[in-house]
Amino acid sequence: MSPEARQEPHYVLRLSCPDRPGIVHAVTGALLRHHANVTESQQFGDPDTRLFFLRVQFTCDAPEERLRAALRGAAEEFDLVWQLHRVDEPTRTLIMVSRAGHCLNDLLYRQRSGRLPVTPVAVVGNHRDLEPLADFYEVPFHHVPVTADTKAAAEETLLGLVDTLDVELVVLARYMQVLSPRVCEVLAGRAINIHHSFLPSFAGARPYHQAHTRGVKLIGATAHYVTADLDEGPIIEQDVERVDHSHAVDDLVGLGQDLESRALARAVRWHAEHRVLVDRNRTVVFR
């Protein structure tokens, strides 16, 4: 038998619950009874919300269902909200786009080069501009146009794809349409958006031109979970770059696209590695 065949399955457990003594002991004790070997462990107790967060990565040869049964006991005792995942199972991801391709190209390149633990199962675009890019990376492209009259039908098509393709994560990679409250609710905790960080000062069209006119000294990007409150979901990652009077509008646009790509890629990777837990209106990220 090869060394690879003898390797024990690798899992990651993440959980949150009301903070109280004994949580770590109960969880790690349940794992120890099944001869698990912890390879990574991080925890955080939020003094404001009085919630406790834990991420444990471990190897274990016991059947997965026996592990889950053992953890259910601790879950009932401590009111845990928990998830158990296999580390070697990439997150099935659907990417939504409009016309700008920098974020899509960056995500698909990172995935193909082994730097992003996701499986892109579809690209959904409300325009066809990025269909050739999806074809290049051999990811099925679905054209779902959106108008005021077709928005409801388009969202039903989107949710149908999420269901039939067994999608675990939806990424809005500069998708320039607002999702309805119903879709935001269905995708709660599994949809990530990226936008420039000029909001709310420079909302609307041509934000980089507005920022250049005002002589901004910092530009940035924010990746966050999608909620019904537009661009106000729990923040996962932000990136920033200092600029000055010598930067033209095109310079700001180029820097902004780089920042958006980097921040989104990190947020997607951390989510896919099960490192992000929602703490009410913010996140705990175990890097």
C-alpha atoms as a PDB file:
ATOM      1  CA  MET A   1       0.000   0.000   0.000  1.00  0.00           C
ATOM      2  CA  SER A   2       1.369   3.465  -0.917  1.00  0.00           C
ATOM      3  CA  PRO A   3       2.035   6.131   1.768  1.00  0.00           C
ATOM      4  CA  GLU A   4      -0.841   8.204   0.318  1.00  0.00           C
ATOM      5  CA  ALA A   5      -3.270   5.310   0.766  1.00  0.00           C
ATOM      6  CA  ARG A   6      -2.258   4.929   4.417  1.00  0.00           C
ATOM      7  CA  GLN A   7      -2.914   8.572   5.301  1.00  0.00           C
ATOM      8  CA  GLU A   8      -5.721   9.159   7.785  1.00  0.00           C
ATOM      9  CA  PRO A   9      -8.638  11.345   6.710  1.00  0.00           C
ATOM     10  CA  HIS A  10      -8.108  15.033   7.519  1.00  0.00           C
ATOM     11  CA  TYR A  11     -11.044  16.996   8.983  1.00  0.00           C
ATOM     12  CA  VAL A  12     -11.818  20.532  10.092  1.00  0.00           C
ATOM     13  CA  LEU A  13     -14.385  21.264  12.785  1.00  0.00           C
ATOM     14  CA  ARG A  14     -15.662  24.774  13.394  1.00  0.00           C
ATOM     15  CA  LEU A  15     -18.222  25.822  15.960  1.00  0.00           C
ATOM     16  CA  SER A  16     -19.755  28.667  17.907  1.00  0.00           C
ATOM     17  CA  CYS A  17     -21.788  28.680  21.104  1.00  0.00           C
ATOM     18  CA  PRO A  18     -22.482  30.686  24.259  1.00  0.00           C
ATOM     19  CA  ASP A  19     -19.202  31.028  26.134  1.00  0.00           C
ATOM     20  CA  ARG A  20     -18.822  28.906  29.287  1.00  0.00           C
ATOM     21  CA  PRO A  21     -16.171  26.667  30.858  1.00  0.00           C
ATOM     22  CA  GLY A  22     -15.553  23.178  29.507  1.00  0.00           C
ATOM     23  CA  ILE A  23     -16.240  23.613  25.789  1.00  0.00           C
ATOM     24  CA  VAL A  24     -12.719  22.836  24.550  1.00  0.00           C
ATOM     25  CA  HIS A  25     -12.383  19.927  26.973  1.00  0.00           C
ATOM     26  CA  ALA A  26     -15.656  18.399  25.787  1.00  0.00           C
ATOM     27  CA  VAL A  27     -14.847  18.756  22.093  1.00  0.00           C
ATOM     28  CA  THR A  28     -11.229  17.617  22.205  1.00  0.00           C
ATOM     29  CA  GLY A  29     -12.183  14.835  24.605  1.00  0.00           C
ATOM     30  CA  ALA A  30     -14.712  13.506  22.104  1.00  0.00           C
ATOM     31  CA  LEU A  31     -12.020  13.580  19.421  1.00  0.00           C
ATOM     32  CA  LEU A  32      -9.436  11.945  21.680  1.00  0.00           C
ATOM     33  CA  ARG A  33     -11.743   9.032  22.421  1.00  0.00           C
ATOM     34  CA  HIS A  34     -11.612   8.288  18.687  1.00  0.00           C
ATOM     35  CA  HIS A  35      -7.806   8.641  18.606  1.00  0.00           C
ATOM     36  CA  ALA A  36      -7.861  11.893  16.623  1.00  0.00           C
ATOM     37  CA  ASN A  37      -4.632  13.843  16.216  1.00  0.00           C
ATOM     38  CA  VAL A  38      -5.121  17.632  16.346  1.00  0.00           C
ATOM     39  CA  THR A  39      -2.970  19.407  13.741  1.00  0.00           C
ATOM     40  CA  GLU A  40      -4.292  22.957  14.193  1.00  0.00           C
ATOM     41  CA  SER A  41      -6.483  24.644  16.797  1.00  0.00           C
ATOM     42  CA  GLN A  42      -7.668  28.243  17.235  1.00  0.00           C
ATOM     43  CA  GLN A  43     -10.254  29.746  19.542  1.00  0.00           C
ATOM     44  CA  PHE A  44     -11.762  33.111  20.456  1.00  0.00           C
ATOM     45  CA  GLY A  45     -14.154  34.261  23.136  1.00  0.00           C
ATOM     46  CA  ASP A  46     -15.959  37.495  22.258  1.00  0.00           C
ATOM     47  CA  PRO A  47     -16.402  39.592  25.414  1.00  0.00           C
ATOM     48  CA  ASP A  48     -19.062  41.739  23.717  1.00  0.00           C
ATOM     49  CA  THR A  49     -21.397  39.008  22.467  1.00  0.00           C
ATOM     50  CA  ARG A  50     -20.285  36.407  25.042  1.00  0.00           C
ATOM     51  CA  LEU A  51     -19.971  33.865  22.245  1.00  0.00           C
ATOM     52  CA  PHE A  52     -17.170  31.324  21.871  1.00  0.00           C
ATOM     53  CA  PHE A  53     -15.621  30.303  18.538  1.00  0.00           C
ATOM     54  CA  LEU A  54     -13.409  27.291  17.848  1.00  0.00           C
ATOM     55  CA  ARG A  55     -11.727  25.813  14.774  1.00  0.00           C
ATOM     56  CA  VAL A  56      -9.965  22.454  15.097  1.00  0.00           C
ATOM     57  CA  GLN A  57      -8.190  20.629  12.278  1.00  0.00           C
ATOM     58  CA  PHE A  58      -7.352  16.981  12.912  1.00  0.00           C
ATOM     59  CA  THR A  59      -6.661  13.600  11.407  1.00  0.00           C
ATOM     60  CA  CYS A  60      -8.664  10.551  12.431  1.00  0.00           C
ATOM     61  CA  ASP A  61      -9.166   7.030  11.124  1.00  0.00           C
ATOM     62  CA  ALA A  62     -12.566   6.510  12.761  1.00  0.00           C
ATOM     63  CA  PRO A  63     -15.638   6.455  10.499  1.00  0.00           C
ATOM     64  CA  GLU A  64     -17.011   9.949   9.950  1.00  0.00           C
ATOM     65  CA  GLU A  65     -20.458   9.041  11.259  1.00  0.00           C
ATOM     66  CA  ARG A  66     -18.931   7.874  14.556  1.00  0.00           C
ATOM     67  CA  LEU A  67     -17.157  11.222  14.836  1.00  0.00           C
ATOM     68  CA  ARG A  68     -20.374  13.081  14.184  1.00  0.00           C
ATOM     69  CA  ALA A  69     -22.228  10.989  16.758  1.00  0.00           C
ATOM     70  CA  ALA A  70     -19.552  11.752  19.360  1.00  0.00           C
ATOM     71  CA  LEU A  71     -19.695  15.471  18.625  1.00  0.00           C
ATOM     72  CA  ARG A  72     -23.484  15.560  18.872  1.00  0.00           C
ATOM     73  CA  GLY A  73     -23.205  14.853  22.576  1.00  0.00           C
ATOM     74  CA  ALA A  74     -21.021  17.932  23.125  1.00  0.00           C
ATOM     75  CA  ALA A  75     -23.284  19.919  20.812  1.00  0.00           C
ATOM     76  CA  GLU A  76     -26.341  19.174  22.905  1.00  0.00           C
ATOM     77  CA  GLU A  77     -24.580  19.921  26.189  1.00  0.00           C
ATOM     78  CA  PHE A  78     -23.080  23.244  25.091  1.00  0.00           C
ATOM     79  CA  ASP A  79     -25.626  24.366  22.471  1.00  0.00           C
ATOM     80  CA  LEU A  80     -23.046  24.241  19.690  1.00  0.00           C
ATOM     81  CA  VAL A  81     -23.608  25.437  16.146  1.00  0.00           C
ATOM     82  CA  TRP A  82     -21.052  23.266  14.350  1.00  0.00           C
ATOM     83  CA  GLN A  83     -19.886  21.927  11.005  1.00  0.00           C
ATOM     84  CA  LEU A  84     -17.502  19.103  10.174  1.00  0.00           C
ATOM     85  CA  HIS A  85     -15.760  19.016   6.787  1.00  0.00           C
ATOM     86  CA  ARG A  86     -13.139  16.950   5.016  1.00  0.00           C
ATOM     87  CA  VAL A  87     -10.069  19.083   4.292  1.00  0.00           C
ATOM     88  CA  ASP A  88      -9.497  17.394   0.928  1.00  0.00           C
ATOM     89  CA  GLU A  89     -12.966  18.243  -0.432  1.00  0.00           C
ATOM     90  CA  PRO A  90     -12.883  21.539  -2.386  1.00  0.00           C
ATOM     91  CA  THR A  91     -15.842  23.878  -1.983  1.00  0.00           C
ATOM     92  CA  ARG A  92     -18.266  23.741  -4.913  1.00  0.00           C
ATOM     93  CA  THR A  93     -18.432  27.331  -6.107  1.00  0.00           C
ATOM     94  CA  LEU A  94     -20.603  29.335  -8.509  1.00  0.00           C
ATOM     95  CA  ILE A  95     -19.165  32.671  -9.670  1.00  0.00           C
ATOM     96  CA  MET A  96     -21.392  35.543 -10.798  1.00  0.00           C
ATOM     97  CA  VAL A  97     -20.079  38.241 -13.142  1.00  0.00           C
ATOM     98  CA  SER A  98     -21.114  41.189 -15.294  1.00  0.00           C
ATOM     99  CA  ARG A  99     -18.535  42.742 -17.640  1.00  0.00           C
ATOM    100  CA  ALA A 100     -15.374  43.320 -15.561  1.00  0.00           C
ATOM    101  CA  GLY A 101     -13.181  40.214 -15.682  1.00  0.00           C
ATOM    102  CA  HIS A 102     -10.307  40.918 -13.285  1.00  0.00           C
ATOM    103  CA  CYS A 103     -11.789  39.113 -10.281  1.00  0.00           C
ATOM    104  CA  LEU A 104     -13.052  36.153 -12.302  1.00  0.00           C
ATOM    105  CA  ASN A 105      -9.701  35.695 -14.038  1.00  0.00           C
ATOM    106  CA  ASP A 106      -7.834  35.905 -10.741  1.00  0.00           C
ATOM    107  CA  LEU A 107     -10.068  33.343  -9.011  1.00  0.00           C
ATOM    108  CA  LEU A 108      -9.955  30.844 -11.869  1.00  0.00           C
ATOM    109  CA  TYR A 109      -6.186  31.212 -12.265  1.00  0.00           C
ATOM    110  CA  ARG A 110      -5.595  30.669  -8.544  1.00  0.00           C
ATOM    111  CA  GLN A 111      -7.860  27.622  -8.570  1.00  0.00           C
ATOM    112  CA  ARG A 112      -6.145  26.086 -11.596  1.00  0.00           C
ATOM    113  CA  SER A 113      -2.704  26.678 -10.067  1.00  0.00           C
ATOM    114  CA  GLY A 114      -3.719  24.908  -6.849  1.00  0.00           C
ATOM    115  CA  ARG A 115      -3.834  28.010  -4.652  1.00  0.00           C
ATOM    116  CA  LEU A 116      -7.588  28.127  -4.055  1.00  0.00           C
ATOM    117  CA  PRO A 117      -9.427  25.087  -2.620  1.00  0.00           C
ATOM    118  CA  VAL A 118     -12.616  25.441  -4.650  1.00  0.00           C
ATOM    119  CA  THR A 119     -14.234  23.633  -7.569  1.00  0.00           C
ATOM    120  CA  PRO A 120     -15.797  26.178  -9.957  1.00  0.00           C
ATOM    121  CA  VAL A 121     -18.964  24.468 -11.150  1.00  0.00           C
ATOM    122  CA  ALA A 122     -20.418  27.404 -13.101  1.00  0.00           C
ATOM    123  CA  VAL A 123     -19.977  31.023 -14.108  1.00  0.00           C
ATOM    124  CA  VAL A 124     -23.233  32.985 -14.306  1.00  0.00           C
ATOM    125  CA  GLY A 125     -23.180  36.257 -16.230  1.00  0.00           C
ATOM    126  CA  ASN A 126     -25.879  38.811 -16.925  1.00  0.00           C
ATOM    127  CA  HIS A 127     -23.826  39.669 -20.044  1.00  0.00           C
ATOM    128  CA  ARG A 128     -21.846  37.395 -22.371  1.00  0.00           C
ATOM    129  CA  ASP A 129     -18.614  39.413 -22.240  1.00  0.00           C
ATOM    130  CA  LEU A 130     -16.791  36.922 -19.998  1.00  0.00           C
ATOM    131  CA  GLU A 131     -18.024  33.729 -21.628  1.00  0.00           C
ATOM    132  CA  PRO A 132     -14.720  33.288 -23.543  1.00  0.00           C
ATOM    133  CA  LEU A 133     -12.789  33.564 -20.271  1.00  0.00           C
ATOM    134  CA  ALA A 134     -14.953  30.901 -18.642  1.00  0.00           C
ATOM    135  CA  ASP A 135     -14.506  28.714 -21.728  1.00  0.00           C
ATOM    136  CA  PHE A 136     -10.723  29.113 -21.507  1.00  0.00           C
ATOM    137  CA  TYR A 137     -10.779  27.737 -17.963  1.00  0.00           C
ATOM    138  CA  GLU A 138     -13.292  25.052 -19.001  1.00  0.00           C
ATOM    139  CA  VAL A 139     -15.998  26.221 -16.593  1.00  0.00           C
ATOM    140  CA  PRO A 140     -19.601  26.093 -17.879  1.00  0.00           C
ATOM    141  CA  PHE A 141     -20.989  29.571 -18.577  1.00  0.00           C
ATOM    142  CA  HIS A 142     -24.678  30.392 -18.065  1.00  0.00           C
ATOM    143  CA  HIS A 143     -26.041  33.592 -19.586  1.00  0.00           C
ATOM    144  CA  VAL A 144     -28.826  34.874 -17.314  1.00  0.00           C
ATOM    145  CA  PRO A 145     -29.789  38.395 -18.441  1.00  0.00           C
ATOM    146  CA  VAL A 146     -31.444  40.646 -15.876  1.00  0.00           C
ATOM    147  CA  THR A 147     -33.927  43.436 -16.525  1.00  0.00           C
ATOM    148  CA  ALA A 148     -36.626  44.920 -14.332  1.00  0.00           C
ATOM    149  CA  ASP A 149     -39.121  42.593 -16.028  1.00  0.00           C
ATOM    150  CA  THR A 150     -36.971  39.436 -15.857  1.00  0.00           C
ATOM    151  CA  LYS A 151     -35.278  39.861 -12.455  1.00  0.00           C
ATOM    152  CA  ALA A 152     -37.573  37.429 -10.615  1.00  0.00           C
ATOM    153  CA  ALA A 153     -37.184  34.758 -13.301  1.00  0.00           C
ATOM    154  CA  ALA A 154     -33.409  35.298 -13.409  1.00  0.00           C
ATOM    155  CA  GLU A 155     -33.150  34.758  -9.669  1.00  0.00           C
ATOM    156  CA  GLU A 156     -35.187  31.569  -9.923  1.00  0.00           C
ATOM    157  CA  THR A 157     -32.740  30.378 -12.566  1.00  0.00           C
ATOM    158  CA  LEU A 158     -29.842  31.222 -10.257  1.00  0.00           C
ATOM    159  CA  LEU A 159     -31.354  29.363  -7.306  1.00  0.00           C
ATOM    160  CA  GLY A 160     -32.113  26.428  -9.590  1.00  0.00           C
ATOM    161  CA  LEU A 161     -28.437  26.231 -10.557  1.00  0.00           C
ATOM    162  CA  VAL A 162     -27.396  26.470  -6.910  1.00  0.00           C
ATOM    163  CA  ASP A 163     -29.653  23.529  -6.127  1.00  0.00           C
ATOM    164  CA  THR A 164     -28.943  21.275  -9.107  1.00  0.00           C
ATOM    165  CA  LEU A 165     -25.172  21.871  -9.051  1.00  0.00           C
ATOM    166  CA  ASP A 166     -24.978  21.347  -5.269  1.00  0.00           C
ATOM    167  CA  VAL A 167     -23.338  24.774  -4.870  1.00  0.00           C
ATOM    168  CA  GLU A 168     -21.767  25.494  -1.482  1.00  0.00           C
ATOM    169  CA  LEU A 169     -20.497  29.019  -2.190  1.00  0.00           C
ATOM    170  CA  VAL A 170     -21.642  31.834  -4.481  1.00  0.00           C
ATOM    171  CA  VAL A 171     -19.090  34.534  -5.325  1.00  0.00           C
ATOM    172  CA  LEU A 172     -20.175  37.879  -6.732  1.00  0.00           C
ATOM    173  CA  ALA A 173     -17.031  38.727  -8.693  1.00  0.00           C
ATOM    174  CA  ARG A 174     -17.998  42.285  -9.666  1.00  0.00           C
ATOM    175  CA  TYR A 175     -21.566  41.227 -10.414  1.00  0.00           C
ATOM    176  CA  MET A 176     -23.337  44.539 -10.916  1.00  0.00           C
ATOM    177  CA  GLN A 177     -26.860  43.528  -9.917  1.00  0.00           C
ATOM    178  CA  VAL A 178     -28.535  43.727  -6.517  1.00  0.00           C
ATOM    179  CA  LEU A 179     -29.812  40.414  -5.163  1.00  0.00           C
ATOM    180  CA  SER A 180     -33.308  40.389  -3.689  1.00  0.00           C
ATOM    181  CA  PRO A 181     -33.836  39.916   0.066  1.00  0.00           C
ATOM    182  CA  ARG A 182     -35.199  36.420  -0.627  1.00  0.00           C
ATOM    183  CA  VAL A 183     -32.049  35.326  -2.486  1.00  0.00           C
ATOM    184  CA  CYS A 184     -29.873  36.889   0.226  1.00  0.00           C
ATOM    185  CA  GLU A 185     -31.765  34.864   2.823  1.00  0.00           C
ATOM    186  CA  VAL A 186     -31.434  31.600   0.874  1.00  0.00           C
ATOM    187  CA  LEU A 187     -27.684  32.190   0.403  1.00  0.00           C
ATOM    188  CA  ALA A 188     -27.015  33.569   3.893  1.00  0.00           C
ATOM    189  CA  GLY A 189     -23.479  32.745   5.008  1.00  0.00           C
ATOM    190  CA  ARG A 190     -22.500  31.271   1.639  1.00  0.00           C
ATOM    191  CA  ALA A 191     -22.406  34.259  -0.727  1.00  0.00           C
ATOM    192  CA  ILE A 192     -19.440  36.647  -0.868  1.00  0.00           C
ATOM    193  CA  ASN A 193     -19.360  40.052  -2.574  1.00  0.00           C
ATOM    194  CA  ILE A 194     -16.495  42.417  -3.397  1.00  0.00           C
ATOM    195  CA  HIS A 195     -16.633  46.169  -3.879  1.00  0.00           C
ATOM    196  CA  HIS A 196     -14.423  49.237  -3.705  1.00  0.00           C
ATOM    197  CA  SER A 197     -14.177  50.879  -0.287  1.00  0.00           C
ATOM    198  CA  PHE A 198     -15.220  54.371  -1.380  1.00  0.00           C
ATOM    199  CA  LEU A 199     -18.747  53.726  -0.133  1.00  0.00           C
ATOM    200  CA  PRO A 200     -20.715  55.599   1.047  1.00  0.00           C
ATOM    201  CA  SER A 201     -18.731  58.738   0.131  1.00  0.00           C
ATOM    202  CA  PHE A 202     -18.524  58.040  -3.609  1.00  0.00           C
ATOM    203  CA  ALA A 203     -21.582  55.998  -4.482  1.00  0.00           C
ATOM    204  CA  GLY A 204     -22.998  55.555  -7.948  1.00  0.00           C
ATOM    205  CA  ALA A 205     -21.258  55.770 -11.292  1.00  0.00           C
ATOM    206  CA  ARG A 206     -17.541  56.400 -11.861  1.00  0.00           C
ATOM    207  CA  PRO A 207     -16.433  56.178  -8.200  1.00  0.00           C
ATOM    208  CA  TYR A 208     -12.727  56.337  -9.099  1.00  0.00           C
ATOM    209  CA  HIS A 209     -13.302  59.559 -11.013  1.00  0.00           C
ATOM    210  CA  GLN A 210     -15.162  60.981  -8.004  1.00  0.00           C
ATOM    211  CA  ALA A 211     -12.329  59.903  -5.713  1.00  0.00           C
ATOM    212  CA  HIS A 212      -9.693  61.398  -8.003  1.00  0.00           C
ATOM    213  CA  THR A 213     -11.562  64.705  -8.078  1.00  0.00           C
ATOM    214  CA  ARG A 214     -11.586  64.772  -4.271  1.00  0.00           C
ATOM    215  CA  GLY A 215      -7.892  63.879  -4.059  1.00  0.00           C
ATOM    216  CA  VAL A 216      -8.233  60.743  -1.936  1.00  0.00           C
ATOM    217  CA  LYS A 217      -5.079  59.392  -0.307  1.00  0.00           C
ATOM    218  CA  LEU A 218      -6.247  55.815   0.263  1.00  0.00           C
ATOM    219  CA  ILE A 219      -8.118  53.392  -1.977  1.00  0.00           C
ATOM    220  CA  GLY A 220      -9.306  49.984  -0.933  1.00  0.00           C
ATOM    221  CA  ALA A 221     -11.582  46.997  -1.407  1.00  0.00           C
ATOM    222  CA  THR A 222     -13.928  45.094   0.898  1.00  0.00           C
ATOM    223  CA  ALA A 223     -15.041  41.457   0.689  1.00  0.00           C
ATOM    224  CA  HIS A 224     -18.084  40.590   2.772  1.00  0.00           C
ATOM    225  CA  TYR A 225     -20.958  38.173   3.096  1.00  0.00           C
ATOM    226  CA  VAL A 226     -24.066  39.165   1.163  1.00  0.00           C
ATOM    227  CA  THR A 227     -27.078  40.344   3.160  1.00  0.00           C
ATOM    228  CA  ALA A 228     -30.263  42.207   2.320  1.00  0.00           C
ATOM    229  CA  ASP A 229     -28.574  45.381   3.612  1.00  0.00           C
ATOM    230  CA  LEU A 230     -26.691  46.401   0.471  1.00  0.00           C
ATOM    231  CA  ASP A 231     -22.885  46.281   0.924  1.00  0.00           C
ATOM    232  CA  GLU A 232     -23.269  46.066   4.710  1.00  0.00           C
ATOM    233  CA  GLY A 233     -22.821  42.340   5.336  1.00  0.00           C
ATOM    234  CA  PRO A 234     -20.216  40.928   7.763  1.00  0.00           C
ATOM    235  CA  ILE A 235     -16.756  41.890   6.496  1.00  0.00           C
ATOM    236  CA  ILE A 236     -14.327  39.035   5.807  1.00  0.00           C
ATOM    237  CA  GLU A 237     -11.330  40.890   4.359  1.00  0.00           C
ATOM    238  CA  GLN A 238     -10.201  44.360   3.293  1.00  0.00           C
ATOM    239  CA  ASP A 239      -7.165  45.631   1.411  1.00  0.00           C
ATOM    240  CA  VAL A 240      -5.848  49.158   0.999  1.00  0.00           C
ATOM    241  CA  GLU A 241      -3.234  51.102  -0.956  1.00  0.00           C
ATOM    242  CA  ARG A 242      -1.914  54.633  -0.412  1.00  0.00           C
ATOM    243  CA  VAL A 243      -2.103  57.008  -3.388  1.00  0.00           C
ATOM    244  CA  ASP A 244      -1.252  60.652  -4.017  1.00  0.00           C
ATOM    245  CA  HIS A 245      -1.647  63.548  -6.421  1.00  0.00           C
ATOM    246  CA  SER A 246       0.539  61.873  -9.060  1.00  0.00           C
ATOM    247  CA  HIS A 247      -1.948  59.039  -9.660  1.00  0.00           C
ATOM    248  CA  ALA A 248      -4.233  59.513 -12.658  1.00  0.00           C
ATOM    249  CA  VAL A 249      -7.738  58.055 -12.776  1.00  0.00           C
ATOM    250  CA  ASP A 250      -6.513  55.056 -14.789  1.00  0.00           C
ATOM    251  CA  ASP A 251      -3.864  54.427 -12.123  1.00  0.00           C
ATOM    252  CA  LEU A 252      -6.545  54.386  -9.424  1.00  0.00           C
ATOM    253  CA  VAL A 253      -8.725  52.036 -11.461  1.00  0.00           C
ATOM    254  CA  GLY A 254      -5.823  49.620 -12.020  1.00  0.00           C
ATOM    255  CA  LEU A 255      -4.807  49.651  -8.356  1.00  0.00           C
ATOM    256  CA  GLY A 256      -8.434  49.215  -7.333  1.00  0.00           C
ATOM    257  CA  GLN A 257      -8.840  46.154  -9.528  1.00  0.00           C
ATOM    258  CA  ASP A 258      -5.730  44.593  -7.997  1.00  0.00           C
ATOM    259  CA  LEU A 259      -7.050  45.297  -4.494  1.00  0.00           C
ATOM    260  CA  GLU A 260     -10.449  43.839  -5.333  1.00  0.00           C
ATOM    261  CA  SER A 261      -8.891  40.677  -6.761  1.00  0.00           C
ATOM    262  CA  ARG A 262      -6.590  40.155  -3.766  1.00  0.00           C
ATOM    263  CA  ALA A 263      -9.210  40.822  -1.100  1.00  0.00           C
ATOM    264  CA  LEU A 264     -11.785  38.610  -2.805  1.00  0.00           C
ATOM    265  CA  ALA A 265      -9.325  35.746  -3.300  1.00  0.00           C
ATOM    266  CA  ARG A 266      -8.339  35.787   0.367  1.00  0.00           C
ATOM    267  CA  ALA A 267     -11.969  35.880   1.499  1.00  0.00           C
ATOM    268  CA  VAL A 268     -12.892  32.968  -0.783  1.00  0.00           C
ATOM    269  CA  ARG A 269      -9.879  30.932   0.347  1.00  0.00           C
ATOM    270  CA  TRP A 270     -10.567  31.488   4.038  1.00  0.00           C
ATOM    271  CA  HIS A 271     -14.231  30.591   3.560  1.00  0.00           C
ATOM    272  CA  ALA A 272     -13.319  27.469   1.579  1.00  0.00           C
ATOM    273  CA  GLU A 273     -10.851  26.461   4.305  1.00  0.00           C
ATOM    274  CA  HIS A 274     -13.664  26.890   6.852  1.00  0.00           C
ATOM    275  CA  ARG A 275     -11.783  29.633   8.703  1.00  0.00           C
ATOM    276  CA  VAL A 276     -14.633  32.164   8.852  1.00  0.00           C
ATOM    277  CA  LEU A 277     -17.363  32.231  11.484  1.00  0.00           C
ATOM    278  CA  VAL A 278     -20.073  34.890  11.631  1.00  0.00           C
ATOM    279  CA  ASP A 279     -20.249  36.804  14.922  1.00  0.00           C
ATOM    280  CA  ARG A 280     -23.543  38.653  14.513  1.00  0.00           C
ATOM    281  CA  ASN A 281     -22.706  41.596  12.194  1.00  0.00           C
ATOM    282  CA  ARG A 282     -18.977  40.839  11.927  1.00  0.00           C
ATOM    283  CA  THR A 283     -16.744  37.811  11.408  1.00  0.00           C
ATOM    284  CA  VAL A 284     -14.120  35.824  13.255  1.00  0.00           C
ATOM    285  CA  VAL A 285     -11.396  34.737  10.803  1.00  0.00           C
ATOM    286  CA  PHE A 286      -8.941  32.082  12.010  1.00  0.00           C
ATOM    287  CA  ARG A 287      -6.003  32.567   9.626  1.00  0.00           C
END
